[in-house]
Amino acid sequence: MKKRKKGRKLSRERNQRRALLRTVSGALLLREKIKTTEVKAKETSILTEKFITQAKKNTLASRRLLAKVLPQKIVKKLLEKLGPRYKEKNGGYTKIIKLGPRKSDGAKMAIIELVK
């Protein structure tokens, strides 16, 4: 019997998918606004919101957890700027704006950005 699985495959194996989502999420956290495909944006939103929630706690355990997954530059920005910015907010840190299809292959595009 087929069970419902959480998350999308993105036509990649597990390790490649994890690496892709970490890099896209890292780029979003650094630049605060990126353009990507709609499906990647939706998956990135889930992961990025988890990272920001950890950064809001700002404990030693959360620092170690973030440092294990993300580069030091991104962890520093998360803990010093983004965590305090969203201290009062309970989720909903990202916003996805849908765009038209990409010219080359017709993939649905979207802009994902951090809410101010």
N, C-alpha and C. Protein backbone atom coordinates (compact mmCIF):
# COMPACT_ATOMS: atom_id res chain seq x y z
N MET A 1 0.84 -1.17 0.00
CA MET A 1 0.00 0.00 0.00
C MET A 1 0.89 1.25 0.00
N LYS A 2 0.55 2.18 -0.86
CA LYS A 2 1.35 3.41 -0.97
C LYS A 2 0.97 4.38 0.15
N LYS A 3 1.96 4.83 0.86
CA LYS A 3 1.75 5.80 1.94
C LYS A 3 2.15 7.19 1.47
N ARG A 4 1.60 8.19 2.10
CA ARG A 4 1.98 9.57 1.76
C ARG A 4 3.35 9.88 2.32
N LYS A 5 4.22 10.39 1.49
CA LYS A 5 5.56 10.77 1.92
C LYS A 5 5.65 12.28 1.97
N LYS A 6 6.42 12.77 2.93
CA LYS A 6 6.58 14.21 3.08
C LYS A 6 7.71 14.68 2.18
N GLY A 7 7.51 15.79 1.49
CA GLY A 7 8.56 16.38 0.66
C GLY A 7 8.49 15.93 -0.78
N ARG A 8 9.20 16.67 -1.62
CA ARG A 8 9.23 16.38 -3.05
C ARG A 8 10.60 15.81 -3.42
N LYS A 9 10.65 15.01 -4.46
CA LYS A 9 11.90 14.36 -4.84
C LYS A 9 12.81 15.24 -5.68
N LEU A 10 12.25 16.15 -6.44
CA LEU A 10 13.03 17.06 -7.30
C LEU A 10 13.93 16.33 -8.28
N SER A 11 13.56 15.12 -8.68
CA SER A 11 14.32 14.30 -9.64
C SER A 11 15.76 14.09 -9.21
N ARG A 12 15.98 13.91 -7.91
CA ARG A 12 17.34 13.71 -7.39
C ARG A 12 17.33 12.63 -6.32
N GLU A 13 18.51 12.06 -6.09
CA GLU A 13 18.65 11.13 -4.98
C GLU A 13 18.69 11.92 -3.67
N ARG A 14 18.56 11.23 -2.56
CA ARG A 14 18.42 11.89 -1.26
C ARG A 14 19.57 12.85 -0.94
N ASN A 15 20.81 12.40 -1.12
CA ASN A 15 21.95 13.25 -0.77
C ASN A 15 22.04 14.48 -1.66
N GLN A 16 21.78 14.29 -2.95
CA GLN A 16 21.80 15.42 -3.88
C GLN A 16 20.69 16.40 -3.57
N ARG A 17 19.52 15.87 -3.21
CA ARG A 17 18.37 16.72 -2.87
C ARG A 17 18.65 17.54 -1.62
N ARG A 18 19.21 16.90 -0.62
CA ARG A 18 19.56 17.62 0.62
C ARG A 18 20.58 18.72 0.36
N ALA A 19 21.60 18.40 -0.44
CA ALA A 19 22.63 19.38 -0.76
C ALA A 19 22.04 20.56 -1.52
N LEU A 20 21.17 20.27 -2.49
CA LEU A 20 20.53 21.32 -3.27
C LEU A 20 19.71 22.24 -2.37
N LEU A 21 18.90 21.66 -1.50
CA LEU A 21 18.04 22.47 -0.64
C LEU A 21 18.85 23.30 0.36
N ARG A 22 19.96 22.74 0.84
CA ARG A 22 20.82 23.52 1.74
C ARG A 22 21.45 24.71 1.03
N THR A 23 21.92 24.50 -0.19
CA THR A 23 22.56 25.61 -0.90
C THR A 23 21.55 26.68 -1.30
N VAL A 24 20.38 26.26 -1.76
CA VAL A 24 19.36 27.24 -2.13
C VAL A 24 18.88 27.99 -0.89
N SER A 25 18.72 27.27 0.21
CA SER A 25 18.31 27.90 1.46
C SER A 25 19.39 28.86 1.96
N GLY A 26 20.64 28.45 1.84
CA GLY A 26 21.75 29.32 2.24
C GLY A 26 21.80 30.59 1.41
N ALA A 27 21.57 30.46 0.10
CA ALA A 27 21.55 31.63 -0.77
C ALA A 27 20.40 32.56 -0.39
N LEU A 28 19.26 31.99 -0.05
CA LEU A 28 18.12 32.80 0.37
C LEU A 28 18.43 33.55 1.67
N LEU A 29 19.06 32.88 2.61
CA LEU A 29 19.38 33.51 3.88
C LEU A 29 20.42 34.62 3.72
N LEU A 30 21.35 34.44 2.79
CA LEU A 30 22.37 35.48 2.55
C LEU A 30 21.80 36.67 1.79
N ARG A 31 21.09 36.41 0.70
CA ARG A 31 20.62 37.49 -0.17
C ARG A 31 19.23 37.99 0.18
N GLU A 32 18.47 37.19 0.90
CA GLU A 32 17.11 37.50 1.36
C GLU A 32 16.07 37.53 0.24
N LYS A 33 16.48 37.27 -1.00
CA LYS A 33 15.55 37.21 -2.12
C LYS A 33 16.24 36.51 -3.28
N ILE A 34 15.63 35.42 -3.78
CA ILE A 34 16.21 34.70 -4.91
C ILE A 34 15.11 34.29 -5.88
N LYS A 35 15.51 34.00 -7.11
CA LYS A 35 14.58 33.53 -8.14
C LYS A 35 14.94 32.07 -8.44
N THR A 36 13.94 31.21 -8.36
CA THR A 36 14.15 29.78 -8.59
C THR A 36 12.85 29.18 -9.11
N THR A 37 12.83 27.87 -9.31
CA THR A 37 11.59 27.25 -9.75
C THR A 37 10.59 27.20 -8.60
N GLU A 38 9.33 27.09 -8.94
CA GLU A 38 8.26 27.13 -7.94
C GLU A 38 8.37 25.97 -6.95
N VAL A 39 8.68 24.77 -7.45
CA VAL A 39 8.77 23.60 -6.59
C VAL A 39 9.95 23.72 -5.64
N LYS A 40 11.09 24.17 -6.14
CA LYS A 40 12.26 24.36 -5.27
C LYS A 40 11.98 25.44 -4.24
N ALA A 41 11.26 26.46 -4.63
CA ALA A 41 10.93 27.54 -3.68
C ALA A 41 10.06 27.02 -2.54
N LYS A 42 9.10 26.17 -2.86
CA LYS A 42 8.23 25.62 -1.82
C LYS A 42 9.00 24.73 -0.85
N GLU A 43 9.89 23.91 -1.37
CA GLU A 43 10.70 23.05 -0.50
C GLU A 43 11.71 23.86 0.31
N THR A 44 12.30 24.87 -0.32
CA THR A 44 13.26 25.72 0.37
C THR A 44 12.60 26.49 1.50
N SER A 45 11.38 26.91 1.28
CA SER A 45 10.64 27.65 2.30
C SER A 45 10.52 26.84 3.59
N ILE A 46 10.22 25.56 3.47
CA ILE A 46 10.07 24.69 4.63
C ILE A 46 11.38 24.62 5.42
N LEU A 47 12.48 24.39 4.72
CA LEU A 47 13.78 24.25 5.38
C LEU A 47 14.25 25.57 5.98
N THR A 48 14.06 26.66 5.26
CA THR A 48 14.50 27.97 5.73
C THR A 48 13.74 28.38 6.99
N GLU A 49 12.46 28.09 7.04
CA GLU A 49 11.68 28.44 8.22
C GLU A 49 12.16 27.66 9.44
N LYS A 50 12.58 26.42 9.25
CA LYS A 50 13.13 25.64 10.36
C LYS A 50 14.45 26.23 10.85
N PHE A 51 15.28 26.68 9.91
CA PHE A 51 16.55 27.30 10.29
C PHE A 51 16.32 28.58 11.10
N ILE A 52 15.39 29.40 10.66
CA ILE A 52 15.12 30.66 11.37
C ILE A 52 14.54 30.39 12.75
N THR A 53 13.70 29.39 12.87
CA THR A 53 13.14 29.04 14.17
C THR A 53 14.25 28.61 15.13
N GLN A 54 15.22 27.86 14.63
CA GLN A 54 16.36 27.47 15.47
C GLN A 54 17.19 28.70 15.86
N ALA A 55 17.37 29.62 14.92
CA ALA A 55 18.16 30.82 15.18
C ALA A 55 17.50 31.70 16.23
N LYS A 56 16.17 31.69 16.30
CA LYS A 56 15.46 32.50 17.29
C LYS A 56 15.77 32.03 18.71
N LYS A 57 15.99 30.73 18.89
CA LYS A 57 16.30 30.20 20.22
C LYS A 57 17.66 30.69 20.72
N ASN A 58 18.64 30.71 19.82
CA ASN A 58 19.99 31.20 20.09
C ASN A 58 20.61 30.54 21.32
N THR A 59 20.49 29.21 21.41
CA THR A 59 21.15 28.46 22.47
C THR A 59 22.37 27.78 21.87
N LEU A 60 23.18 27.21 22.72
CA LEU A 60 24.37 26.51 22.24
C LEU A 60 23.98 25.34 21.35
N ALA A 61 22.94 24.62 21.75
CA ALA A 61 22.48 23.48 20.96
C ALA A 61 22.00 23.91 19.57
N SER A 62 21.26 25.02 19.51
CA SER A 62 20.78 25.48 18.20
C SER A 62 21.93 25.99 17.35
N ARG A 63 22.92 26.62 17.96
CA ARG A 63 24.10 27.07 17.21
C ARG A 63 24.83 25.88 16.59
N ARG A 64 25.01 24.83 17.38
CA ARG A 64 25.70 23.64 16.89
C ARG A 64 24.91 22.96 15.77
N LEU A 65 23.60 22.90 15.93
CA LEU A 65 22.76 22.28 14.92
C LEU A 65 22.87 23.04 13.60
N LEU A 66 22.82 24.37 13.66
CA LEU A 66 22.93 25.18 12.44
C LEU A 66 24.33 25.08 11.83
N ALA A 67 25.37 25.06 12.70
CA ALA A 67 26.74 25.00 12.21
C ALA A 67 27.04 23.67 11.53
N LYS A 68 26.32 22.63 11.91
CA LYS A 68 26.52 21.32 11.30
C LYS A 68 26.01 21.30 9.86
N VAL A 69 24.99 22.10 9.58
CA VAL A 69 24.31 22.05 8.29
C VAL A 69 24.72 23.19 7.36
N LEU A 70 24.97 24.39 7.91
CA LEU A 70 25.21 25.58 7.09
C LEU A 70 26.62 26.11 7.27
N PRO A 71 27.13 26.85 6.29
CA PRO A 71 28.44 27.50 6.44
C PRO A 71 28.42 28.56 7.54
N GLN A 72 29.59 28.85 8.09
CA GLN A 72 29.72 29.76 9.23
C GLN A 72 29.19 31.16 8.93
N LYS A 73 29.40 31.64 7.73
CA LYS A 73 28.94 32.98 7.34
C LYS A 73 27.41 33.09 7.46
N ILE A 74 26.72 32.06 7.02
CA ILE A 74 25.26 32.06 7.06
C ILE A 74 24.76 31.90 8.50
N VAL A 75 25.43 31.05 9.27
CA VAL A 75 25.05 30.85 10.68
C VAL A 75 25.18 32.16 11.45
N LYS A 76 26.25 32.88 11.18
CA LYS A 76 26.47 34.16 11.86
C LYS A 76 25.36 35.15 11.54
N LYS A 77 24.97 35.24 10.26
CA LYS A 77 23.90 36.15 9.88
C LYS A 77 22.57 35.72 10.50
N LEU A 78 22.32 34.41 10.52
CA LEU A 78 21.09 33.89 11.11
C LEU A 78 20.98 34.29 12.58
N LEU A 79 22.04 34.08 13.33
CA LEU A 79 21.99 34.31 14.77
C LEU A 79 22.04 35.79 15.14
N GLU A 80 22.77 36.59 14.39
CA GLU A 80 22.94 38.00 14.76
C GLU A 80 21.86 38.92 14.17
N LYS A 81 21.39 38.62 12.97
CA LYS A 81 20.44 39.53 12.31
C LYS A 81 19.03 38.95 12.18
N LEU A 82 18.93 37.75 11.59
CA LEU A 82 17.61 37.21 11.27
C LEU A 82 16.86 36.69 12.49
N GLY A 83 17.57 36.05 13.42
CA GLY A 83 16.92 35.55 14.63
C GLY A 83 16.24 36.65 15.43
N PRO A 84 16.97 37.73 15.76
CA PRO A 84 16.34 38.84 16.49
C PRO A 84 15.24 39.55 15.69
N ARG A 85 15.38 39.60 14.36
CA ARG A 85 14.37 40.27 13.53
C ARG A 85 13.01 39.59 13.65
N TYR A 86 13.02 38.25 13.73
CA TYR A 86 11.77 37.49 13.77
C TYR A 86 11.44 36.98 15.17
N LYS A 87 12.00 37.59 16.20
CA LYS A 87 11.79 37.13 17.58
C LYS A 87 10.31 37.10 17.96
N GLU A 88 9.56 38.10 17.55
CA GLU A 88 8.14 38.20 17.92
C GLU A 88 7.22 37.45 16.96
N LYS A 89 7.73 37.04 15.80
CA LYS A 89 6.89 36.41 14.77
C LYS A 89 6.88 34.89 14.96
N ASN A 90 5.71 34.29 14.85
CA ASN A 90 5.57 32.84 15.01
C ASN A 90 5.39 32.15 13.66
N GLY A 91 6.42 32.10 12.86
CA GLY A 91 6.35 31.44 11.57
C GLY A 91 5.99 32.40 10.46
N GLY A 92 5.98 31.90 9.23
CA GLY A 92 5.66 32.72 8.08
C GLY A 92 6.77 33.71 7.75
N TYR A 93 8.01 33.23 7.75
CA TYR A 93 9.16 34.11 7.51
C TYR A 93 9.45 34.30 6.03
N THR A 94 8.89 33.44 5.17
CA THR A 94 9.17 33.52 3.74
C THR A 94 7.90 33.80 2.96
N LYS A 95 8.10 34.40 1.78
CA LYS A 95 6.99 34.71 0.89
C LYS A 95 7.37 34.25 -0.51
N ILE A 96 6.46 33.56 -1.19
CA ILE A 96 6.71 33.07 -2.54
C ILE A 96 5.81 33.84 -3.51
N ILE A 97 6.43 34.45 -4.51
CA ILE A 97 5.70 35.19 -5.55
C ILE A 97 5.87 34.42 -6.85
N LYS A 98 4.78 33.96 -7.40
CA LYS A 98 4.83 33.15 -8.63
C LYS A 98 5.03 34.05 -9.85
N LEU A 99 5.89 33.57 -10.75
CA LEU A 99 6.17 34.27 -12.00
C LEU A 99 5.68 33.40 -13.17
N GLY A 100 5.91 33.86 -14.35
CA GLY A 100 5.54 33.08 -15.53
C GLY A 100 6.52 31.95 -15.77
N PRO A 101 6.29 31.17 -16.81
CA PRO A 101 7.18 30.06 -17.13
C PRO A 101 8.52 30.55 -17.69
N ARG A 102 9.56 29.76 -17.47
CA ARG A 102 10.88 30.06 -18.00
C ARG A 102 10.87 29.83 -19.50
N LYS A 103 11.56 30.67 -20.27
CA LYS A 103 11.53 30.58 -21.73
C LYS A 103 12.12 29.26 -22.25
N SER A 104 13.24 28.84 -21.69
CA SER A 104 13.95 27.71 -22.25
C SER A 104 13.19 26.39 -22.13
N ASP A 105 12.71 26.08 -20.94
CA ASP A 105 12.07 24.77 -20.76
C ASP A 105 10.64 24.84 -20.22
N GLY A 106 10.13 26.04 -19.99
CA GLY A 106 8.75 26.20 -19.56
C GLY A 106 8.51 25.89 -18.09
N ALA A 107 9.58 25.79 -17.29
CA ALA A 107 9.41 25.50 -15.87
C ALA A 107 8.76 26.70 -15.18
N LYS A 108 7.86 26.42 -14.24
CA LYS A 108 7.21 27.49 -13.49
C LYS A 108 8.24 28.14 -12.56
N MET A 109 8.37 29.46 -12.64
CA MET A 109 9.36 30.18 -11.86
C MET A 109 8.68 30.95 -10.72
N ALA A 110 9.49 31.25 -9.70
CA ALA A 110 8.97 31.99 -8.56
C ALA A 110 10.10 32.75 -7.89
N ILE A 111 9.74 33.82 -7.20
CA ILE A 111 10.69 34.55 -6.36
C ILE A 111 10.35 34.20 -4.93
N ILE A 112 11.36 33.81 -4.17
CA ILE A 112 11.15 33.54 -2.76
C ILE A 112 11.97 34.58 -1.99
N GLU A 113 11.34 35.18 -0.98
CA GLU A 113 12.02 36.21 -0.22
C GLU A 113 11.64 36.13 1.25
N LEU A 114 12.50 36.69 2.08
CA LEU A 114 12.22 36.76 3.50
C LEU A 114 11.33 37.95 3.76
N VAL A 115 10.32 37.76 4.60
CA VAL A 115 9.40 38.83 4.94
C VAL A 115 10.11 39.83 5.86
N LYS A 116 9.90 41.10 5.67
CA LYS A 116 10.57 42.13 6.48
C LYS A 116 9.96 42.26 7.83
